[in-house]
Structures are given as structure tokens and as C-alpha cells.
């Protein structure tokens, strides 16, 4: 018998800076074990090893074989491993090394089991969050049967956050991603090399990919960041109930404490400013350019209105 939604792990997916961490940490405060970005190759050496040859945003068709990537998420859905001293040292060296040289550090981690000590005792519920799995989400859902929650946020807010953090690792320079969009929708990489156009292409591509997957899986839940911020206590309580997670004082207190200004990667936010704050996140010219690029992606608009 397949596990019910009240016992299955939860997988939270979305674009970077879309509110997935906030969502995951709030749901984790219900008593579930929260596993944060097990596939973040920028900070985790085992993620770098598991995604070697797959790229930052792995694209896996249903029949694809990716044993290291599968093992990475098998560990995550089991609640994660206990970091060992060897692992902690390898992670520090991984983060300090230039990105181009990190491959040389993989010998430090060995296998995933060697990089981390034994798995934790299996928790009752696990919430896993990833912003790198948009192109492999259906593959992961098929392998592990989690309850999937896709978080979306207005592109102006997401892209302005990328700008503030200086991000420029976009998929418009990934030949396979460019070919994928061209084959399915006739959308090639932006001719412009301007940052705003490249960022909009990256957003449009990943959003379209997620939107297509959502359209094929109506049982998945889609939550809008702006909608959550309109009434976080009520909206998160409802979401937790749908997922079979017990909402209590700990989750409520954690959520209420986040209603303040935050910077960088902080999950704090002034709720009232997030409902329609996207209007002012980019200047009018950049807004027009973002809209022009995103409108080229003719996927079902399940995520962005």
C-alpha cells in the first residue's frame, strides 16, 4: 500500500530566492526534520560530487540513471546524515576553494557514506527543500514519491534578489538547456548579453519547466509567496494541515519571529511589504525587459500570473 500524504516526505521545490527556505523552515518547525538543499553544490562537497557531469540544475528524464544523485536524495529523504569531523573539514575546504578547482577536492569526500557518518534514526516526517531540482523534479517524484510543494514568487522580486546577491550563473550559457527550450518552444538564449535579459531568460526557463511539471501532476501543491505573506499564520496552518504536519505553538512562534527585516540569505521578511512589493523591486525599463523575455516561454502559466 502506498504511503499516505500524512506519512510521506515533503519535497519543496522552486526557483532560488522564491521563498522556499522560509517555507521549508516554517514547516520544519512543526516537528518534522528539515533538510536544507542537499543538492547545493556551492556549499556541500557531496552535492558537487553527486552532480558531477549533471550541471547545477540537473536535467533527468524519467528513464535516466543517476546513481550518485539518487543516493544524495535517498540520504536526504531519510533525514540526512550525521556530519563527521572528516566531512566538516572537507566542507570548509570545499567552500574556500575556487569553483573551478573544487573537482580536485572530491577525493576528500569519497563516497557519500564516507563523507558523512551513519544515517540518523529515521524521523517520522522529513521536509526536504531544493532550488536546483526544477529539471529533475519529476524524476525525483517518481523515485521517492514525496508530497511535492512548488513555491513561486513574482519574477521582479526573484530577479531583484539575484541582482542584490550578484548572481550570474544562468542557464542561457548551458548548451543543453538552450537546445531544450529551442526544441520545445522555439525559445533560444537571449541575444543580449545584458545581465537583466540573461536573468529573465533563466527565470523564464525554470519557471516554464516547473509549470509544465505542475500541469502534469495536479496532485502537487503550488503556493505563491505573495499569497503566503498576505496572512502567514492562516496560510501556513492550512498548508501544514494539508501535508499532515501538526501546527502548534513552536511553528507559530517561529513564523511570527520571521516578521521583521532581513538581509542577504535571511528568511526574515516584513510580511506586509511582500504582498505587492514586487511593483517597486525593478525600475520600469527592467520590468519591461523581464516581461518581454518571460512572455516568450509559452508554457502553462501555473506559477506566474
Protein backbone atom coordinates (compact mmCIF):
# COMPACT_ATOMS: atom_id res chain seq x y z
CA UNK A 1 0.00 0.00 0.00
CA UNK A 2 1.36 3.42 -0.96
CA UNK A 3 2.08 5.74 1.98
CA UNK A 4 -0.48 8.47 2.64
CA UNK A 5 0.33 12.16 2.29
CA UNK A 6 0.45 12.24 6.10
CA UNK A 7 3.45 9.93 6.28
CA UNK A 8 5.31 10.63 3.05
CA UNK A 9 8.28 13.01 3.00
CA UNK A 10 7.69 16.51 1.68
CA UNK A 11 9.78 17.95 -1.16
CA UNK A 12 9.70 21.74 -1.51
CA UNK A 13 10.90 23.00 -4.88
CA UNK A 14 11.10 26.36 -6.59
CA UNK A 15 13.47 28.88 -8.09
CA UNK A 16 16.29 30.32 -6.00
CA UNK A 17 15.06 33.26 -3.88
CA UNK A 18 11.40 32.33 -4.32
CA UNK A 19 10.66 31.76 -0.62
CA UNK A 20 11.43 28.05 -0.46
CA UNK A 21 13.74 28.31 2.56
CA UNK A 22 11.20 30.32 4.55
CA UNK A 23 8.52 27.79 3.66
CA UNK A 24 10.72 24.83 4.49
CA UNK A 25 11.91 26.16 7.82
CA UNK A 26 8.39 27.08 8.93
CA UNK A 27 7.13 23.59 8.05
CA UNK A 28 10.18 22.07 9.72
CA UNK A 29 9.20 23.89 12.92
CA UNK A 30 6.10 21.69 13.11
CA UNK A 31 8.34 18.92 14.42
CA UNK A 32 9.42 17.48 11.08
CA UNK A 33 13.10 17.02 10.25
CA UNK A 34 14.09 19.78 7.83
CA UNK A 35 16.84 19.02 5.29
CA UNK A 36 18.11 22.18 3.62
CA UNK A 37 19.28 21.98 -0.01
CA UNK A 38 21.05 18.60 0.00
CA UNK A 39 21.97 19.27 -3.65
CA UNK A 40 23.58 22.68 -3.12
CA UNK A 41 26.91 22.15 -4.87
CA UNK A 42 28.11 25.61 -3.85
CA UNK A 43 28.45 24.64 -0.19
CA UNK A 44 28.21 20.83 0.05
CA UNK A 45 31.05 18.67 -1.30
CA UNK A 46 28.82 15.60 -1.59
CA UNK A 47 26.38 17.59 -3.76
CA UNK A 48 29.26 18.65 -6.01
CA UNK A 49 30.30 15.02 -6.35
CA UNK A 50 26.76 13.72 -6.95
CA UNK A 51 26.08 16.35 -9.63
CA UNK A 52 29.40 15.97 -11.43
CA UNK A 53 28.58 15.87 -15.12
CA UNK A 54 24.94 16.83 -14.49
CA UNK A 55 25.42 20.57 -14.01
CA UNK A 56 23.99 23.00 -11.47
CA UNK A 57 20.38 22.21 -12.41
CA UNK A 58 20.38 18.52 -13.43
CA UNK A 59 18.01 17.57 -16.23
CA UNK A 60 16.87 13.98 -15.79
CA UNK A 61 14.29 12.24 -17.96
CA UNK A 62 12.17 9.54 -16.39
CA UNK A 63 14.43 6.72 -17.58
CA UNK A 64 17.70 8.41 -16.65
CA UNK A 65 20.22 6.62 -14.48
CA UNK A 66 21.98 8.86 -11.96
CA UNK A 67 23.01 6.68 -9.01
CA UNK A 68 25.07 9.27 -7.13
CA UNK A 69 22.33 11.88 -7.44
CA UNK A 70 19.75 9.33 -6.34
CA UNK A 71 21.88 8.37 -3.36
CA UNK A 72 22.17 12.04 -2.42
CA UNK A 73 18.39 12.38 -2.15
CA UNK A 74 17.96 8.94 -0.59
CA UNK A 75 20.06 10.24 2.28
CA UNK A 76 18.08 13.50 2.37
CA UNK A 77 14.68 11.80 2.48
CA UNK A 78 15.99 9.60 5.31
CA UNK A 79 16.58 12.75 7.33
CA UNK A 80 20.18 13.43 6.33
CA UNK A 81 23.41 12.05 7.74
CA UNK A 82 25.30 12.98 10.86
CA UNK A 83 28.25 15.16 9.80
CA UNK A 84 31.58 13.62 10.76
CA UNK A 85 34.79 15.51 11.53
CA UNK A 86 36.16 14.45 8.16
CA UNK A 87 33.05 15.76 6.45
CA UNK A 88 33.14 19.09 8.28
CA UNK A 89 36.78 19.61 7.26
CA UNK A 90 36.03 18.70 3.64
CA UNK A 91 33.11 21.14 3.57
CA UNK A 92 35.26 24.02 4.84
CA UNK A 93 37.88 23.33 2.17
CA UNK A 94 35.19 22.98 -0.49
CA UNK A 95 33.71 26.37 0.31
CA UNK A 96 37.12 28.04 0.39
CA UNK A 97 38.31 26.64 -2.94
CA UNK A 98 37.67 28.41 -6.27
CA UNK A 99 34.76 26.81 -8.09
CA UNK A 100 36.98 25.72 -10.97
CA UNK A 101 39.20 23.77 -8.59
CA UNK A 102 36.63 22.03 -6.47
CA UNK A 103 36.74 18.85 -8.52
CA UNK A 104 40.22 18.22 -7.18
CA UNK A 105 38.79 18.10 -3.66
CA UNK A 106 36.38 15.26 -4.35
CA UNK A 107 38.88 12.69 -3.10
CA UNK A 108 38.40 14.21 0.36
CA UNK A 109 34.78 13.17 0.50
CA UNK A 110 34.95 9.72 -1.08
CA UNK A 111 31.52 8.17 -1.21
CA UNK A 112 28.56 9.88 0.39
CA UNK A 113 28.65 7.33 3.19
CA UNK A 114 32.28 8.17 3.79
CA UNK A 115 31.73 11.90 3.76
CA UNK A 116 29.01 11.68 6.37
CA UNK A 117 28.72 9.25 9.21
CA UNK A 118 25.80 6.87 9.62
CA UNK A 119 22.26 7.96 8.79
CA UNK A 120 20.20 9.37 11.58
CA UNK A 121 17.45 7.28 13.09
CA UNK A 122 14.58 7.52 10.62
CA UNK A 123 12.42 10.52 11.62
CA UNK A 124 8.65 10.38 11.46
CA UNK A 125 8.38 13.16 8.85
CA UNK A 126 11.01 14.81 6.66
CA UNK A 127 10.81 18.09 4.77
CA UNK A 128 13.47 18.43 2.04
CA UNK A 129 14.00 21.70 0.19
CA UNK A 130 15.78 22.25 -3.13
CA UNK A 131 16.11 25.13 -5.57
CA UNK A 132 18.25 23.15 -8.01
CA UNK A 133 15.86 20.32 -8.92
CA UNK A 134 13.43 22.05 -11.31
CA UNK A 135 14.66 19.98 -14.28
CA UNK A 136 14.73 16.73 -12.28
CA UNK A 137 11.63 17.22 -10.13
CA UNK A 138 9.51 14.62 -11.90
CA UNK A 139 12.40 12.14 -11.77
CA UNK A 140 12.74 12.66 -8.02
CA UNK A 141 8.98 12.42 -7.51
CA UNK A 142 8.93 9.11 -9.39
CA UNK A 143 11.88 7.69 -7.43
CA UNK A 144 10.85 8.72 -3.92
CA UNK A 145 7.12 9.52 -4.05
CA UNK A 146 7.25 12.60 -1.83
CA UNK A 147 4.43 15.08 -1.40
CA UNK A 148 5.58 17.89 -3.69
CA UNK A 149 5.12 21.57 -2.86
CA UNK A 150 6.19 24.09 -5.50
CA UNK A 151 6.76 27.63 -4.26
CA UNK A 152 6.50 30.52 -6.72
CA UNK A 153 7.28 34.21 -6.41
CA UNK A 154 6.88 37.14 -8.76
CA UNK A 155 9.81 37.42 -11.19
CA UNK A 156 10.52 41.03 -10.29
CA UNK A 157 11.14 40.05 -6.66
CA UNK A 158 13.19 36.99 -7.56
CA UNK A 159 15.35 38.72 -10.15
CA UNK A 160 15.94 41.78 -7.98
CA UNK A 161 17.15 39.45 -5.24
CA UNK A 162 19.54 37.76 -7.67
CA UNK A 163 20.88 41.19 -8.58
CA UNK A 164 21.41 42.15 -4.94
CA UNK A 165 23.39 38.94 -4.36
CA UNK A 166 25.44 39.28 -7.56
CA UNK A 167 24.27 36.01 -9.14
CA UNK A 168 25.09 35.36 -12.79
CA UNK A 169 25.33 31.56 -13.14
CA UNK A 170 22.44 31.35 -15.58
CA UNK A 171 21.39 28.52 -17.89
CA UNK A 172 21.48 30.64 -21.03
CA UNK A 173 25.11 29.54 -21.28
CA UNK A 174 24.24 25.85 -20.91
CA UNK A 175 24.03 24.39 -24.44
CA UNK A 176 21.69 21.57 -23.38
CA UNK A 177 19.29 23.98 -21.70
CA UNK A 178 19.31 26.30 -24.72
CA UNK A 179 18.64 23.36 -27.04
CA UNK A 180 15.85 22.11 -24.79
CA UNK A 181 13.99 25.39 -24.93
CA UNK A 182 14.58 25.78 -28.66
CA UNK A 183 13.30 22.29 -29.43
CA UNK A 184 10.14 22.51 -27.36
CA UNK A 185 9.16 26.17 -27.62
CA UNK A 186 11.39 27.84 -30.17
CA UNK A 187 12.96 29.99 -27.44
CA UNK A 188 16.68 30.41 -27.84
CA UNK A 189 19.08 32.10 -25.45
CA UNK A 190 18.75 35.89 -25.28
CA UNK A 191 20.72 37.67 -27.99
CA UNK A 192 21.57 40.35 -25.45
CA UNK A 193 24.43 39.81 -23.03
CA UNK A 194 22.91 42.27 -20.57
CA UNK A 195 22.51 40.82 -17.10
CA UNK A 196 18.79 41.62 -16.85
CA UNK A 197 17.97 39.79 -20.09
CA UNK A 198 20.01 36.75 -19.11
CA UNK A 199 18.39 36.66 -15.66
CA UNK A 200 14.91 36.90 -17.20
CA UNK A 201 15.73 34.01 -19.58
CA UNK A 202 16.93 31.89 -16.65
CA UNK A 203 13.78 32.66 -14.67
CA UNK A 204 11.53 32.05 -17.67
CA UNK A 205 13.15 28.72 -18.48
CA UNK A 206 12.99 27.30 -14.96
CA UNK A 207 9.51 28.68 -14.33
CA UNK A 208 8.26 27.17 -17.58
CA UNK A 209 9.84 23.84 -16.68
CA UNK A 210 8.16 23.82 -13.28
CA UNK A 211 4.85 24.98 -14.77
CA UNK A 212 4.86 22.10 -17.25
CA UNK A 213 5.56 19.59 -14.48
CA UNK A 214 2.81 21.05 -12.28
CA UNK A 215 0.34 20.80 -15.17
CA UNK A 216 1.16 17.09 -15.48
CA UNK A 217 0.78 16.49 -11.74
CA UNK A 218 -2.36 18.18 -10.43
CA UNK A 219 -1.87 16.49 -7.05
CA UNK A 220 1.18 18.68 -6.40
CA UNK A 221 0.59 21.77 -4.33
CA UNK A 222 1.56 25.21 -5.64
CA UNK A 223 1.87 28.06 -3.16
CA UNK A 224 2.50 31.69 -4.03
CA UNK A 225 4.96 33.55 -1.83
CA UNK A 226 2.84 36.70 -2.07
CA UNK A 227 -0.25 34.76 -1.01
CA UNK A 228 1.54 33.24 1.98
CA UNK A 229 2.63 36.73 3.06
CA UNK A 230 -0.94 38.06 2.93
CA UNK A 231 -1.80 36.06 6.06
CA UNK A 232 1.09 33.79 7.06
CA UNK A 233 -0.38 32.26 10.25
CA UNK A 234 -3.57 31.17 8.48
CA UNK A 235 -1.94 30.16 5.18
CA UNK A 236 0.84 28.13 6.78
CA UNK A 237 -1.57 26.48 9.19
CA UNK A 238 -3.69 25.41 6.22
CA UNK A 239 -0.66 24.17 4.30
CA UNK A 240 0.61 22.19 7.27
CA UNK A 241 -2.81 20.60 7.68
CA UNK A 242 -2.88 19.61 4.01
CA UNK A 243 0.54 17.97 4.45
CA UNK A 244 -0.42 16.20 7.65
CA UNK A 245 2.04 18.22 9.74
CA UNK A 246 0.92 19.23 13.23
CA UNK A 247 0.68 23.00 13.60
CA UNK A 248 1.46 24.12 17.13
CA UNK A 249 2.99 26.85 19.25
CA UNK A 250 6.56 26.14 18.10
CA UNK A 251 5.70 26.61 14.44
CA UNK A 252 3.56 29.67 15.19
CA UNK A 253 6.32 31.27 17.27
CA UNK A 254 8.95 30.55 14.62
CA UNK A 255 6.73 32.09 11.96
CA UNK A 256 5.89 35.21 13.98
CA UNK A 257 9.58 35.78 14.74
CA UNK A 258 10.31 35.98 10.99
CA UNK A 259 8.12 39.09 10.53
CA UNK A 260 11.00 41.55 10.54
CA UNK A 261 13.55 42.87 8.13
CA UNK A 262 16.26 40.56 6.92
CA UNK A 263 19.24 40.87 4.60
CA UNK A 264 21.10 38.55 2.29
CA UNK A 265 20.01 34.96 2.76
CA UNK A 266 17.93 35.65 5.87
CA UNK A 267 14.42 34.19 5.90
CA UNK A 268 13.10 37.21 7.80
CA UNK A 269 10.75 39.46 5.86
CA UNK A 270 8.17 42.14 6.66
CA UNK A 271 5.06 40.34 5.51
CA UNK A 272 3.06 43.41 4.50
CA UNK A 273 5.85 44.55 2.17
CA UNK A 274 5.94 41.24 0.29
CA UNK A 275 2.32 41.04 -0.85
CA UNK A 276 2.71 43.57 -3.68
CA UNK A 277 6.23 44.86 -3.10
CA UNK A 278 7.30 43.39 -6.43
CA UNK A 279 5.93 46.55 -8.09
CA UNK A 280 8.97 48.50 -6.90
CA UNK A 281 11.70 45.84 -7.00
CA UNK A 282 12.94 46.73 -10.51
CA UNK A 283 12.95 50.00 -12.37
CA UNK A 284 10.30 50.34 -15.13
CA UNK A 285 12.70 49.70 -18.02
CA UNK A 286 13.98 46.49 -16.43
CA UNK A 287 10.43 45.40 -15.68
CA UNK A 288 9.54 45.78 -19.35
CA UNK A 289 12.58 43.78 -20.41
CA UNK A 290 11.83 40.97 -17.95
CA UNK A 291 8.22 40.72 -19.12
CA UNK A 292 9.29 40.70 -22.78
CA UNK A 293 11.64 37.76 -22.20
CA UNK A 294 9.35 35.71 -19.97
CA UNK A 295 6.42 36.06 -22.35
CA UNK A 296 8.42 34.13 -24.95
CA UNK A 297 8.11 30.98 -22.86
CA UNK A 298 4.79 29.51 -23.92
CA UNK A 299 4.46 27.00 -21.07
CA UNK A 300 1.29 26.83 -18.97
CA UNK A 301 1.48 29.75 -16.59
CA UNK A 302 0.77 27.81 -13.42
CA UNK A 303 3.33 29.72 -11.39
CA UNK A 304 3.33 33.32 -12.58
CA UNK A 305 0.23 35.36 -13.20
